[in-house]
Structures are given as structure tokens and as C-alpha cells.
Amino acid sequence: MADGALRGTRLGSTSYESDAGVDFAPRRMTTYDCPAGHETTMPFAEEAEIPYDWECATCGQPATLRDGVEPERKPEKPARTHWDMLLERRSIPELEELLDERLALLRARRGEGVRRSA
């Protein structure tokens, strides 16, 4: 904090704002049920798109919207790994050839390719 900029106030504990004269957005209470039998109620704005899934506030399991229609799910593409992207650019024989070249280069640097006599 810069040289006592907010000296004398308790940060985060006291709000000097009031709700007088504030018009809140209209709310809609939605209820989610989890497989363990817990019930989670969340307020959403009237114009908000209500999600079908929500995390249970009690146990953290995925809860579903009560009286909601499950949306059609798109099939998820599996994550592309580094190996998958590498195989898109090179074939296995090319990769083996590159590996042999790099190993030969490393062995030459270490002197392993040259036999030393005692």
C-alpha cells in the first residue's frame, strides 16, 4: 500500500455504500439436484440462460436442473497430444531415422564412438 493511502479504514470489512434507491435486476430462483440427494438453489437474472449442470454446494458433485430438459450434447473431440501432432508431420520410419542421427551426434560429442586404449 502506498504510504498509508487508506489509513484508518478496515479494508474489506465495512462497506460505505447503501442499497437505498437501487433497483436490482429481476431474479429467478433455480433448483439443482445432485445424485447424493442434496438440493442447491441459485438465483439467476430473468434474462440469463440457465445452465443444465451446476456443482452441488454441499458435496461438489455435478447436479442437474430440476424439471429441466437435458440439452443435446456435442461429441467431444479428444485432446491432441504432442505425439499426435508429431505423427501428422512425420512417419515412424522418419522418426526412427532422426533418432538414430541425433543419438550418433550425441555419442560423437561424448567420445563414445571412439574407443580408448589403455
PDB file of N, CA and C in Angstrom:
ATOM      1  N   MET A   1       0.850  -1.167   0.000  1.00  0.00           N
ATOM      2  CA  MET A   1       0.000   0.000   0.000  1.00  0.00           C
ATOM      3  C   MET A   1       0.895   1.229   0.000  1.00  0.00           C
ATOM      4  N   ALA A   2       0.473   2.268  -0.652  1.00  0.00           N
ATOM      5  CA  ALA A   2       1.307   3.445  -0.842  1.00  0.00           C
ATOM      6  C   ALA A   2       1.154   4.430   0.311  1.00  0.00           C
ATOM      7  N   ASP A   3       2.117   4.444   1.181  1.00  0.00           N
ATOM      8  CA  ASP A   3       2.233   5.449   2.241  1.00  0.00           C
ATOM      9  C   ASP A   3       0.922   5.747   2.972  1.00  0.00           C
ATOM     10  N   GLY A   4       0.257   4.749   3.482  1.00  0.00           N
ATOM     11  CA  GLY A   4      -0.940   4.964   4.294  1.00  0.00           C
ATOM     12  C   GLY A   4      -2.102   5.545   3.532  1.00  0.00           C
ATOM     13  N   ALA A   5      -2.304   5.108   2.309  1.00  0.00           N
ATOM     14  CA  ALA A   5      -3.350   5.676   1.467  1.00  0.00           C
ATOM     15  C   ALA A   5      -4.734   5.508   2.072  1.00  0.00           C
ATOM     16  N   LEU A   6      -4.979   4.390   2.736  1.00  0.00           N
ATOM     17  CA  LEU A   6      -6.296   4.157   3.315  1.00  0.00           C
ATOM     18  C   LEU A   6      -6.180   3.951   4.822  1.00  0.00           C
ATOM     19  N   ARG A   7      -5.394   4.756   5.455  1.00  0.00           N
ATOM     20  CA  ARG A   7      -5.170   4.621   6.889  1.00  0.00           C
ATOM     21  C   ARG A   7      -6.475   4.870   7.645  1.00  0.00           C
ATOM     22  N   GLY A   8      -6.727   4.008   8.626  1.00  0.00           N
ATOM     23  CA  GLY A   8      -7.897   4.193   9.463  1.00  0.00           C
ATOM     24  C   GLY A   8      -9.126   3.435   8.987  1.00  0.00           C
ATOM     25  N   THR A   9      -9.077   2.785   7.837  1.00  0.00           N
ATOM     26  CA  THR A   9     -10.225   2.000   7.399  1.00  0.00           C
ATOM     27  C   THR A   9      -9.876   0.531   7.470  1.00  0.00           C
ATOM     28  N   ARG A  10     -10.860  -0.277   7.731  1.00  0.00           N
ATOM     29  CA  ARG A  10     -10.662  -1.719   7.754  1.00  0.00           C
ATOM     30  C   ARG A  10     -11.046  -2.245   6.375  1.00  0.00           C
ATOM     31  N   LEU A  11     -10.059  -2.567   5.600  1.00  0.00           N
ATOM     32  CA  LEU A  11     -10.316  -2.989   4.224  1.00  0.00           C
ATOM     33  C   LEU A  11     -11.124  -4.275   4.200  1.00  0.00           C
ATOM     34  N   GLY A  12     -12.190  -4.276   3.438  1.00  0.00           N
ATOM     35  CA  GLY A  12     -12.976  -5.470   3.241  1.00  0.00           C
ATOM     36  C   GLY A  12     -13.992  -5.764   4.315  1.00  0.00           C
ATOM     37  N   SER A  13     -14.011  -5.010   5.398  1.00  0.00           N
ATOM     38  CA  SER A  13     -14.940  -5.342   6.473  1.00  0.00           C
ATOM     39  C   SER A  13     -16.107  -4.368   6.567  1.00  0.00           C
ATOM     40  N   THR A  14     -15.944  -3.159   6.095  1.00  0.00           N
ATOM     41  CA  THR A  14     -17.003  -2.167   6.214  1.00  0.00           C
ATOM     42  C   THR A  14     -17.288  -1.582   4.842  1.00  0.00           C
ATOM     43  N   SER A  15     -18.546  -1.609   4.459  1.00  0.00           N
ATOM     44  CA  SER A  15     -18.941  -1.005   3.193  1.00  0.00           C
ATOM     45  C   SER A  15     -19.650   0.305   3.486  1.00  0.00           C
ATOM     46  N   TYR A  16     -19.275   1.344   2.783  1.00  0.00           N
ATOM     47  CA  TYR A  16     -19.892   2.644   2.984  1.00  0.00           C
ATOM     48  C   TYR A  16     -20.996   2.907   1.971  1.00  0.00           C
ATOM     49  N   GLU A  17     -21.337   1.889   1.175  1.00  0.00           N
ATOM     50  CA  GLU A  17     -22.419   2.023   0.205  1.00  0.00           C
ATOM     51  C   GLU A  17     -23.704   1.501   0.824  1.00  0.00           C
ATOM     52  N   SER A  18     -24.809   2.038   0.370  1.00  0.00           N
ATOM     53  CA  SER A  18     -26.099   1.534   0.840  1.00  0.00           C
ATOM     54  C   SER A  18     -26.914   1.073  -0.363  1.00  0.00           C
ATOM     55  N   ASP A  19     -27.899   0.241  -0.108  1.00  0.00           N
ATOM     56  CA  ASP A  19     -28.755  -0.263  -1.175  1.00  0.00           C
ATOM     57  C   ASP A  19     -29.977   0.617  -1.387  1.00  0.00           C
ATOM     58  N   ALA A  20     -30.029   1.739  -0.757  1.00  0.00           N
ATOM     59  CA  ALA A  20     -31.180   2.629  -0.881  1.00  0.00           C
ATOM     60  C   ALA A  20     -31.258   3.179  -2.299  1.00  0.00           C
ATOM     61  N   GLY A  21     -32.416   3.055  -2.905  1.00  0.00           N
ATOM     62  CA  GLY A  21     -32.632   3.614  -4.234  1.00  0.00           C
ATOM     63  C   GLY A  21     -32.060   2.781  -5.363  1.00  0.00           C
ATOM     64  N   VAL A  22     -31.620   1.572  -5.089  1.00  0.00           N
ATOM     65  CA  VAL A  22     -31.040   0.719  -6.129  1.00  0.00           C
ATOM     66  C   VAL A  22     -32.110  -0.249  -6.601  1.00  0.00           C
ATOM     67  N   ASP A  23     -32.313  -0.307  -7.917  1.00  0.00           N
ATOM     68  CA  ASP A  23     -33.260  -1.262  -8.484  1.00  0.00           C
ATOM     69  C   ASP A  23     -32.471  -2.477  -8.953  1.00  0.00           C
ATOM     70  N   PHE A  24     -32.682  -3.606  -8.295  1.00  0.00           N
ATOM     71  CA  PHE A  24     -31.979  -4.830  -8.666  1.00  0.00           C
ATOM     72  C   PHE A  24     -32.655  -5.473  -9.873  1.00  0.00           C
ATOM     73  N   ALA A  25     -31.879  -6.192 -10.642  1.00  0.00           N
ATOM     74  CA  ALA A  25     -32.429  -6.904 -11.786  1.00  0.00           C
ATOM     75  C   ALA A  25     -33.379  -7.988 -11.288  1.00  0.00           C
ATOM     76  N   PRO A  26     -34.455  -8.247 -12.022  1.00  0.00           N
ATOM     77  CA  PRO A  26     -35.376  -9.303 -11.597  1.00  0.00           C
ATOM     78  C   PRO A  26     -34.659 -10.654 -11.577  1.00  0.00           C
ATOM     79  N   ARG A  27     -34.909 -11.424 -10.538  1.00  0.00           N
ATOM     80  CA  ARG A  27     -34.228 -12.704 -10.342  1.00  0.00           C
ATOM     81  C   ARG A  27     -35.205 -13.858 -10.465  1.00  0.00           C
ATOM     82  N   ARG A  28     -34.640 -15.017 -10.814  1.00  0.00           N
ATOM     83  CA  ARG A  28     -35.406 -16.259 -10.866  1.00  0.00           C
ATOM     84  C   ARG A  28     -34.610 -17.294 -10.087  1.00  0.00           C
ATOM     85  N   MET A  29     -35.245 -17.934  -9.119  1.00  0.00           N
ATOM     86  CA  MET A  29     -34.574 -18.955  -8.316  1.00  0.00           C
ATOM     87  C   MET A  29     -34.662 -20.293  -9.044  1.00  0.00           C
ATOM     88  N   THR A  30     -33.518 -20.948  -9.219  1.00  0.00           N
ATOM     89  CA  THR A  30     -33.475 -22.250  -9.877  1.00  0.00           C
ATOM     90  C   THR A  30     -32.923 -23.269  -8.900  1.00  0.00           C
ATOM     91  N   THR A  31     -33.410 -24.492  -8.990  1.00  0.00           N
ATOM     92  CA  THR A  31     -33.001 -25.539  -8.060  1.00  0.00           C
ATOM     93  C   THR A  31     -32.317 -26.655  -8.824  1.00  0.00           C
ATOM     94  N   TYR A  32     -31.191 -27.102  -8.265  1.00  0.00           N
ATOM     95  CA  TYR A  32     -30.415 -28.200  -8.843  1.00  0.00           C
ATOM     96  C   TYR A  32     -30.394 -29.353  -7.849  1.00  0.00           C
ATOM     97  N   ASP A  33     -30.527 -30.577  -8.359  1.00  0.00           N
ATOM     98  CA  ASP A  33     -30.499 -31.776  -7.525  1.00  0.00           C
ATOM     99  C   ASP A  33     -29.268 -32.595  -7.869  1.00  0.00           C
ATOM    100  N   CYS A  34     -28.516 -33.020  -6.829  1.00  0.00           N
ATOM    101  CA  CYS A  34     -27.328 -33.837  -7.065  1.00  0.00           C
ATOM    102  C   CYS A  34     -27.663 -35.301  -6.797  1.00  0.00           C
ATOM    103  N   PRO A  35     -26.838 -36.239  -7.271  1.00  0.00           N
ATOM    104  CA  PRO A  35     -27.111 -37.670  -7.078  1.00  0.00           C
ATOM    105  C   PRO A  35     -27.144 -38.088  -5.608  1.00  0.00           C
ATOM    106  N   ALA A  36     -26.494 -37.332  -4.721  1.00  0.00           N
ATOM    107  CA  ALA A  36     -26.473 -37.678  -3.300  1.00  0.00           C
ATOM    108  C   ALA A  36     -27.731 -37.206  -2.573  1.00  0.00           C
ATOM    109  N   GLY A  37     -28.642 -36.541  -3.289  1.00  0.00           N
ATOM    110  CA  GLY A  37     -29.889 -36.094  -2.677  1.00  0.00           C
ATOM    111  C   GLY A  37     -29.858 -34.666  -2.167  1.00  0.00           C
ATOM    112  N   HIS A  38     -28.767 -33.951  -2.372  1.00  0.00           N
ATOM    113  CA  HIS A  38     -28.694 -32.557  -1.932  1.00  0.00           C
ATOM    114  C   HIS A  38     -29.429 -31.655  -2.919  1.00  0.00           C
ATOM    115  N   GLU A  39     -29.826 -30.519  -2.425  1.00  0.00           N
ATOM    116  CA  GLU A  39     -30.559 -29.543  -3.218  1.00  0.00           C
ATOM    117  C   GLU A  39     -29.801 -28.221  -3.161  1.00  0.00           C
ATOM    118  N   THR A  40     -29.525 -27.632  -4.315  1.00  0.00           N
ATOM    119  CA  THR A  40     -28.835 -26.358  -4.387  1.00  0.00           C
ATOM    120  C   THR A  40     -29.733 -25.370  -5.110  1.00  0.00           C
ATOM    121  N   THR A  41     -30.003 -24.237  -4.490  1.00  0.00           N
ATOM    122  CA  THR A  41     -30.843 -23.213  -5.101  1.00  0.00           C
ATOM    123  C   THR A  41     -29.974 -22.008  -5.422  1.00  0.00           C
ATOM    124  N   MET A  42     -30.051 -21.574  -6.677  1.00  0.00           N
ATOM    125  CA  MET A  42     -29.226 -20.459  -7.151  1.00  0.00           C
ATOM    126  C   MET A  42     -30.111 -19.391  -7.777  1.00  0.00           C
ATOM    127  N   PRO A  43     -29.831 -18.098  -7.503  1.00  0.00           N
ATOM    128  CA  PRO A  43     -30.573 -17.030  -8.180  1.00  0.00           C
ATOM    129  C   PRO A  43     -29.900 -16.688  -9.518  1.00  0.00           C
ATOM    130  N   PHE A  44     -30.692 -16.547 -10.542  1.00  0.00           N
ATOM    131  CA  PHE A  44     -30.210 -16.106 -11.848  1.00  0.00           C
ATOM    132  C   PHE A  44     -31.071 -14.941 -12.303  1.00  0.00           C
ATOM    133  N   ALA A  45     -30.499 -14.080 -13.119  1.00  0.00           N
ATOM    134  CA  ALA A  45     -31.269 -12.985 -13.686  1.00  0.00           C
ATOM    135  C   ALA A  45     -32.336 -13.566 -14.613  1.00  0.00           C
ATOM    136  N   GLU A  46     -33.448 -12.869 -14.738  1.00  0.00           N
ATOM    137  CA  GLU A  46     -34.558 -13.345 -15.566  1.00  0.00           C
ATOM    138  C   GLU A  46     -34.124 -13.604 -17.005  1.00  0.00           C
ATOM    139  N   GLU A  47     -33.282 -12.733 -17.543  1.00  0.00           N
ATOM    140  CA  GLU A  47     -32.897 -12.871 -18.952  1.00  0.00           C
ATOM    141  C   GLU A  47     -31.683 -13.784 -19.156  1.00  0.00           C
ATOM    142  N   ALA A  48     -31.117 -14.318 -18.086  1.00  0.00           N
ATOM    143  CA  ALA A  48     -29.925 -15.169 -18.195  1.00  0.00           C
ATOM    144  C   ALA A  48     -30.285 -16.557 -18.718  1.00  0.00           C
ATOM    145  N   GLU A  49     -29.355 -17.147 -19.457  1.00  0.00           N
ATOM    146  CA  GLU A  49     -29.529 -18.522 -19.920  1.00  0.00           C
ATOM    147  C   GLU A  49     -29.164 -19.444 -18.751  1.00  0.00           C
ATOM    148  N   ILE A  50     -30.091 -20.296 -18.359  1.00  0.00           N
ATOM    149  CA  ILE A  50     -29.900 -21.153 -17.190  1.00  0.00           C
ATOM    150  C   ILE A  50     -29.127 -22.402 -17.600  1.00  0.00           C
ATOM    151  N   PRO A  51     -27.971 -22.680 -16.964  1.00  0.00           N
ATOM    152  CA  PRO A  51     -27.216 -23.884 -17.310  1.00  0.00           C
ATOM    153  C   PRO A  51     -27.905 -25.139 -16.786  1.00  0.00           C
ATOM    154  N   TYR A  52     -27.755 -26.242 -17.500  1.00  0.00           N
ATOM    155  CA  TYR A  52     -28.375 -27.501 -17.087  1.00  0.00           C
ATOM    156  C   TYR A  52     -27.595 -28.154 -15.954  1.00  0.00           C
ATOM    157  N   ASP A  53     -26.265 -28.005 -15.960  1.00  0.00           N
ATOM    158  CA  ASP A  53     -25.405 -28.599 -14.932  1.00  0.00           C
ATOM    159  C   ASP A  53     -24.911 -27.513 -13.983  1.00  0.00           C
ATOM    160  N   TRP A  54     -24.764 -27.890 -12.705  1.00  0.00           N
ATOM    161  CA  TRP A  54     -24.216 -26.972 -11.708  1.00  0.00           C
ATOM    162  C   TRP A  54     -23.543 -27.816 -10.638  1.00  0.00           C
ATOM    163  N   GLU A  55     -22.512 -27.298 -10.016  1.00  0.00           N
ATOM    164  CA  GLU A  55     -21.815 -28.035  -8.963  1.00  0.00           C
ATOM    165  C   GLU A  55     -22.618 -27.950  -7.667  1.00  0.00           C
ATOM    166  N   CYS A  56     -22.816 -29.095  -7.026  1.00  0.00           N
ATOM    167  CA  CYS A  56     -23.561 -29.136  -5.764  1.00  0.00           C
ATOM    168  C   CYS A  56     -22.785 -28.343  -4.707  1.00  0.00           C
ATOM    169  N   ALA A  57     -23.493 -27.468  -3.998  1.00  0.00           N
ATOM    170  CA  ALA A  57     -22.859 -26.629  -2.978  1.00  0.00           C
ATOM    171  C   ALA A  57     -22.448 -27.438  -1.751  1.00  0.00           C
ATOM    172  N   THR A  58     -23.036 -28.615  -1.551  1.00  0.00           N
ATOM    173  CA  THR A  58     -22.738 -29.418  -0.371  1.00  0.00           C
ATOM    174  C   THR A  58     -21.586 -30.385  -0.607  1.00  0.00           C
ATOM    175  N   CYS A  59     -21.669 -31.174  -1.689  1.00  0.00           N
ATOM    176  CA  CYS A  59     -20.670 -32.236  -1.877  1.00  0.00           C
ATOM    177  C   CYS A  59     -19.781 -32.040  -3.106  1.00  0.00           C
ATOM    178  N   GLY A  60     -20.116 -31.102  -3.983  1.00  0.00           N
ATOM    179  CA  GLY A  60     -19.268 -30.824  -5.137  1.00  0.00           C
ATOM    180  C   GLY A  60     -19.532 -31.704  -6.350  1.00  0.00           C
ATOM    181  N   GLN A  61     -20.476 -32.641  -6.260  1.00  0.00           N
ATOM    182  CA  GLN A  61     -20.798 -33.484  -7.408  1.00  0.00           C
ATOM    183  C   GLN A  61     -21.600 -32.674  -8.428  1.00  0.00           C
ATOM    184  N   PRO A  62     -21.623 -33.124  -9.676  1.00  0.00           N
ATOM    185  CA  PRO A  62     -22.424 -32.401 -10.667  1.00  0.00           C
ATOM    186  C   PRO A  62     -23.922 -32.589 -10.392  1.00  0.00           C
ATOM    187  N   ALA A  63     -24.625 -31.484 -10.292  1.00  0.00           N
ATOM    188  CA  ALA A  63     -26.066 -31.509 -10.058  1.00  0.00           C
ATOM    189  C   ALA A  63     -26.769 -31.088 -11.341  1.00  0.00           C
ATOM    190  N   THR A  64     -28.003 -31.544 -11.515  1.00  0.00           N
ATOM    191  CA  THR A  64     -28.764 -31.214 -12.719  1.00  0.00           C
ATOM    192  C   THR A  64     -29.965 -30.362 -12.355  1.00  0.00           C
ATOM    193  N   LEU A  65     -30.400 -29.590 -13.332  1.00  0.00           N
ATOM    194  CA  LEU A  65     -31.508 -28.664 -13.151  1.00  0.00           C
ATOM    195  C   LEU A  65     -32.801 -29.442 -12.911  1.00  0.00           C
ATOM    196  N   ARG A  66     -33.507 -29.087 -11.863  1.00  0.00           N
ATOM    197  CA  ARG A  66     -34.785 -29.734 -11.560  1.00  0.00           C
ATOM    198  C   ARG A  66     -35.807 -29.307 -12.614  1.00  0.00           C
ATOM    199  N   ASP A  67     -36.532 -30.264 -13.136  1.00  0.00           N
ATOM    200  CA  ASP A  67     -37.550 -30.036 -14.168  1.00  0.00           C
ATOM    201  C   ASP A  67     -36.953 -29.424 -15.430  1.00  0.00           C
ATOM    202  N   GLY A  68     -35.682 -29.629 -15.670  1.00  0.00           N
ATOM    203  CA  GLY A  68     -35.039 -29.104 -16.867  1.00  0.00           C
ATOM    204  C   GLY A  68     -34.919 -30.170 -17.936  1.00  0.00           C
ATOM    205  N   VAL A  69     -34.839 -29.751 -19.168  1.00  0.00           N
ATOM    206  CA  VAL A  69     -34.663 -30.667 -20.290  1.00  0.00           C
ATOM    207  C   VAL A  69     -33.181 -30.706 -20.620  1.00  0.00           C
ATOM    208  N   GLU A  70     -32.606 -31.904 -20.629  1.00  0.00           N
ATOM    209  CA  GLU A  70     -31.171 -32.034 -20.896  1.00  0.00           C
ATOM    210  C   GLU A  70     -30.870 -31.621 -22.332  1.00  0.00           C
ATOM    211  N   PRO A  71     -29.931 -30.712 -22.521  1.00  0.00           N
ATOM    212  CA  PRO A  71     -29.598 -30.283 -23.884  1.00  0.00           C
ATOM    213  C   PRO A  71     -28.862 -31.388 -24.627  1.00  0.00           C
ATOM    214  N   GLU A  72     -28.936 -31.325 -25.939  1.00  0.00           N
ATOM    215  CA  GLU A  72     -28.230 -32.295 -26.762  1.00  0.00           C
ATOM    216  C   GLU A  72     -26.732 -31.987 -26.687  1.00  0.00           C
ATOM    217  N   ARG A  73     -25.960 -32.987 -26.341  1.00  0.00           N
ATOM    218  CA  ARG A  73     -24.521 -32.799 -26.163  1.00  0.00           C
ATOM    219  C   ARG A  73     -23.791 -33.087 -27.470  1.00  0.00           C
ATOM    220  N   LYS A  74     -22.839 -32.234 -27.779  1.00  0.00           N
ATOM    221  CA  LYS A  74     -21.987 -32.468 -28.944  1.00  0.00           C
ATOM    222  C   LYS A  74     -20.901 -33.457 -28.551  1.00  0.00           C
ATOM    223  N   PRO A  75     -20.551 -34.358 -29.433  1.00  0.00           N
ATOM    224  CA  PRO A  75     -19.442 -35.269 -29.096  1.00  0.00           C
ATOM    225  C   PRO A  75     -18.150 -34.468 -28.969  1.00  0.00           C
ATOM    226  N   GLU A  76     -17.414 -34.748 -27.906  1.00  0.00           N
ATOM    227  CA  GLU A  76     -16.178 -34.013 -27.655  1.00  0.00           C
ATOM    228  C   GLU A  76     -15.022 -34.667 -28.390  1.00  0.00           C
ATOM    229  N   LYS A  77     -14.192 -33.829 -28.985  1.00  0.00           N
ATOM    230  CA  LYS A  77     -13.005 -34.354 -29.644  1.00  0.00           C
ATOM    231  C   LYS A  77     -11.946 -34.625 -28.585  1.00  0.00           C
ATOM    232  N   PRO A  78     -11.232 -35.744 -28.715  1.00  0.00           N
ATOM    233  CA  PRO A  78     -10.161 -35.992 -27.750  1.00  0.00           C
ATOM    234  C   PRO A  78      -9.044 -34.960 -27.921  1.00  0.00           C
ATOM    235  N   ALA A  79      -8.377 -34.656 -26.854  1.00  0.00           N
ATOM    236  CA  ALA A  79      -7.287 -33.670 -26.893  1.00  0.00           C
ATOM    237  C   ALA A  79      -6.135 -34.209 -27.723  1.00  0.00           C
ATOM    238  N   ARG A  80      -5.593 -33.356 -28.570  1.00  0.00           N
ATOM    239  CA  ARG A  80      -4.452 -33.753 -29.389  1.00  0.00           C
ATOM    240  C   ARG A  80      -3.187 -33.617 -28.560  1.00  0.00           C
ATOM    241  N   THR A  81      -2.425 -34.685 -28.490  1.00  0.00           N
ATOM    242  CA  THR A  81      -1.178 -34.662 -27.741  1.00  0.00           C
ATOM    243  C   THR A  81      -0.038 -34.250 -28.658  1.00  0.00           C
ATOM    244  N   HIS A  82       1.108 -34.012 -28.065  1.00  0.00           N
ATOM    245  CA  HIS A  82       2.302 -33.681 -28.834  1.00  0.00           C
ATOM    246  C   HIS A  82       2.631 -34.812 -29.802  1.00  0.00           C
ATOM    247  N   TRP A  83       2.477 -36.045 -29.328  1.00  0.00           N
ATOM    248  CA  TRP A  83       2.774 -37.207 -30.171  1.00  0.00           C
ATOM    249  C   TRP A  83       1.837 -37.255 -31.379  1.00  0.00           C
ATOM    250  N   ASP A  84       0.563 -36.966 -31.198  1.00  0.00           N
ATOM    251  CA  ASP A  84      -0.395 -36.957 -32.306  1.00  0.00           C
ATOM    252  C   ASP A  84       0.000 -35.924 -33.358  1.00  0.00           C
ATOM    253  N   MET A  85       0.387 -34.742 -32.904  1.00  0.00           N
ATOM    254  CA  MET A  85       0.777 -33.696 -33.855  1.00  0.00           C
ATOM    255  C   MET A  85       2.069 -34.059 -34.573  1.00  0.00           C
ATOM    256  N   LEU A  86       2.978 -34.733 -33.867  1.00  0.00           N
ATOM    257  CA  LEU A  86       4.221 -35.163 -34.487  1.00  0.00           C
ATOM    258  C   LEU A  86       3.952 -36.203 -35.576  1.00  0.00           C
ATOM    259  N   LEU A  87       3.042 -37.115 -35.301  1.00  0.00           N
ATOM    260  CA  LEU A  87       2.712 -38.150 -36.280  1.00  0.00           C
ATOM    261  C   LEU A  87       1.980 -37.591 -37.493  1.00  0.00           C
ATOM    262  N   GLU A  88       1.388 -36.407 -37.372  1.00  0.00           N
ATOM    263  CA  GLU A  88       0.767 -35.756 -38.530  1.00  0.00           C
ATOM    264  C   GLU A  88       1.830 -35.243 -39.492  1.00  0.00           C
ATOM    265  N   ARG A  89       3.021 -34.928 -38.971  1.00  0.00           N
ATOM    266  CA  ARG A  89       4.083 -34.361 -39.803  1.00  0.00           C
ATOM    267  C   ARG A  89       5.087 -35.392 -40.291  1.00  0.00           C
ATOM    268  N   ARG A  90       5.316 -36.454 -39.513  1.00  0.00           N
ATOM    269  CA  ARG A  90       6.352 -37.426 -39.863  1.00  0.00           C
ATOM    270  C   ARG A  90       5.839 -38.841 -39.655  1.00  0.00           C
ATOM    271  N   SER A  91       6.426 -39.781 -40.419  1.00  0.00           N
ATOM    272  CA  SER A  91       6.071 -41.190 -40.253  1.00  0.00           C
ATOM    273  C   SER A  91       7.026 -41.816 -39.232  1.00  0.00           C
ATOM    274  N   ILE A  92       6.687 -43.022 -38.777  1.00  0.00           N
ATOM    275  CA  ILE A  92       7.508 -43.727 -37.797  1.00  0.00           C
ATOM    276  C   ILE A  92       8.917 -43.999 -38.351  1.00  0.00           C
ATOM    277  N   PRO A  93       9.065 -44.468 -39.599  1.00  0.00           N
ATOM    278  CA  PRO A  93      10.434 -44.673 -40.123  1.00  0.00           C
ATOM    279  C   PRO A  93      11.257 -43.374 -40.157  1.00  0.00           C
ATOM    280  N   GLU A  94      10.614 -42.240 -40.489  1.00  0.00           N
ATOM    281  CA  GLU A  94      11.332 -40.963 -40.477  1.00  0.00           C
ATOM    282  C   GLU A  94      11.783 -40.603 -39.061  1.00  0.00           C
ATOM    283  N   LEU A  95      10.920 -40.844 -38.099  1.00  0.00           N
ATOM    284  CA  LEU A  95      11.265 -40.541 -36.714  1.00  0.00           C
ATOM    285  C   LEU A  95      12.402 -41.422 -36.215  1.00  0.00           C
ATOM    286  N   GLU A  96      12.390 -42.693 -36.598  1.00  0.00           N
ATOM    287  CA  GLU A  96      13.482 -43.587 -36.203  1.00  0.00           C
ATOM    288  C   GLU A  96      14.804 -43.141 -36.818  1.00  0.00           C
ATOM    289  N   GLU A  97      14.763 -42.700 -38.071  1.00  0.00           N
ATOM    290  CA  GLU A  97      15.976 -42.213 -38.738  1.00  0.00           C
ATOM    291  C   GLU A  97      16.514 -40.965 -38.017  1.00  0.00           C
ATOM    292  N   LEU A  98      15.631 -40.032 -37.677  1.00  0.00           N
ATOM    293  CA  LEU A  98      16.048 -38.835 -36.946  1.00  0.00           C
ATOM    294  C   LEU A  98      16.633 -39.193 -35.580  1.00  0.00           C
ATOM    295  N   LEU A  99      16.024 -40.147 -34.905  1.00  0.00           N
ATOM    296  CA  LEU A  99      16.519 -40.571 -33.600  1.00  0.00           C
ATOM    297  C   LEU A  99      17.928 -41.145 -33.722  1.00  0.00           C
ATOM    298  N   ASP A 100      18.153 -41.988 -34.726  1.00  0.00           N
ATOM    299  CA  ASP A 100      19.488 -42.567 -34.927  1.00  0.00           C
ATOM    300  C   ASP A 100      20.529 -41.481 -35.205  1.00  0.00           C
ATOM    301  N   GLU A 101      20.147 -40.480 -36.020  1.00  0.00           N
ATOM    302  CA  GLU A 101      21.072 -39.382 -36.323  1.00  0.00           C
ATOM    303  C   GLU A 101      21.435 -38.604 -35.063  1.00  0.00           C
ATOM    304  N   ARG A 102      20.417 -38.263 -34.252  1.00  0.00           N
ATOM    305  CA  ARG A 102      20.673 -37.484 -33.045  1.00  0.00           C
ATOM    306  C   ARG A 102      21.492 -38.276 -32.022  1.00  0.00           C
ATOM    307  N   LEU A 103      21.212 -39.574 -31.892  1.00  0.00           N
ATOM    308  CA  LEU A 103      21.989 -40.396 -30.968  1.00  0.00           C
ATOM    309  C   LEU A 103      23.441 -40.496 -31.411  1.00  0.00           C
ATOM    310  N   ALA A 104      23.672 -40.631 -32.725  1.00  0.00           N
ATOM    311  CA  ALA A 104      25.043 -40.688 -33.244  1.00  0.00           C
ATOM    312  C   ALA A 104      25.768 -39.379 -32.951  1.00  0.00           C
ATOM    313  N   LEU A 105      25.072 -38.255 -33.119  1.00  0.00           N
ATOM    314  CA  LEU A 105      25.680 -36.952 -32.851  1.00  0.00           C
ATOM    315  C   LEU A 105      26.036 -36.816 -31.366  1.00  0.00           C
ATOM    316  N   LEU A 106      25.146 -37.212 -30.486  1.00  0.00           N
ATOM    317  CA  LEU A 106      25.416 -37.131 -29.052  1.00  0.00           C
ATOM    318  C   LEU A 106      26.570 -38.050 -28.643  1.00  0.00           C
ATOM    319  N   ARG A 107      26.585 -39.248 -29.194  1.00  0.00           N
ATOM    320  CA  ARG A 107      27.675 -40.172 -28.866  1.00  0.00           C
ATOM    321  C   ARG A 107      29.014 -39.642 -29.373  1.00  0.00           C
ATOM    322  N   ALA A 108      29.016 -38.994 -30.514  1.00  0.00           N
ATOM    323  CA  ALA A 108      30.254 -38.422 -31.048  1.00  0.00           C
ATOM    324  C   ALA A 108      30.754 -37.294 -30.138  1.00  0.00           C
ATOM    325  N   ARG A 109      29.849 -36.489 -29.618  1.00  0.00           N
ATOM    326  CA  ARG A 109      30.238 -35.401 -28.704  1.00  0.00           C
ATOM    327  C   ARG A 109      30.849 -35.952 -27.424  1.00  0.00           C
ATOM    328  N   ARG A 110      30.288 -37.023 -26.921  1.00  0.00           N
ATOM    329  CA  ARG A 110      30.779 -37.615 -25.675  1.00  0.00           C
ATOM    330  C   ARG A 110      32.041 -38.436 -25.896  1.00  0.00           C
ATOM    331  N   GLY A 111      32.342 -38.746 -27.118  1.00  0.00           N
ATOM    332  CA  GLY A 111      33.509 -39.553 -27.394  1.00  0.00           C
ATOM    333  C   GLY A 111      33.254 -41.032 -27.259  1.00  0.00           C
ATOM    334  N   GLU A 112      31.985 -41.418 -27.217  1.00  0.00           N
ATOM    335  CA  GLU A 112      31.671 -42.832 -27.066  1.00  0.00           C
ATOM    336  C   GLU A 112      31.913 -43.611 -28.336  1.00  0.00           C
ATOM    337  N   GLY A 113      31.927 -42.924 -29.462  1.00  0.00           N
ATOM    338  CA  GLY A 113      32.132 -43.614 -30.726  1.00  0.00           C
ATOM    339  C   GLY A 113      33.598 -43.995 -30.912  1.00  0.00           C
ATOM    340  N   VAL A 114      34.495 -43.348 -30.192  1.00  0.00           N
ATOM    341  CA  VAL A 114      35.931 -43.602 -30.309  1.00  0.00           C
ATOM    342  C   VAL A 114      36.353 -44.489 -29.156  1.00  0.00           C
ATOM    343  N   ARG A 115      37.025 -45.599 -29.469  1.00  0.00           N
ATOM    344  CA  ARG A 115      37.497 -46.480 -28.405  1.00  0.00           C
ATOM    345  C   ARG A 115      38.830 -45.952 -27.893  1.00  0.00           C
ATOM    346  N   ARG A 116      38.951 -45.976 -26.606  1.00  0.00           N
ATOM    347  CA  ARG A 116      40.198 -45.502 -25.999  1.00  0.00           C
ATOM    348  C   ARG A 116      41.028 -46.710 -25.587  1.00  0.00           C
ATOM    349  N   SER A 117      42.290 -46.658 -25.873  1.00  0.00           N
ATOM    350  CA  SER A 117      43.170 -47.758 -25.467  1.00  0.00           C
ATOM    351  C   SER A 117      43.910 -47.365 -24.210  1.00  0.00           C
ATOM    352  N   ALA A 118      44.151 -48.348 -23.370  1.00  0.00           N
ATOM    353  CA  ALA A 118      44.786 -48.091 -22.091  1.00  0.00           C
ATOM    354  C   ALA A 118      46.284 -48.045 -22.154  1.00  0.00           C
TER     355      ALA A 118
END
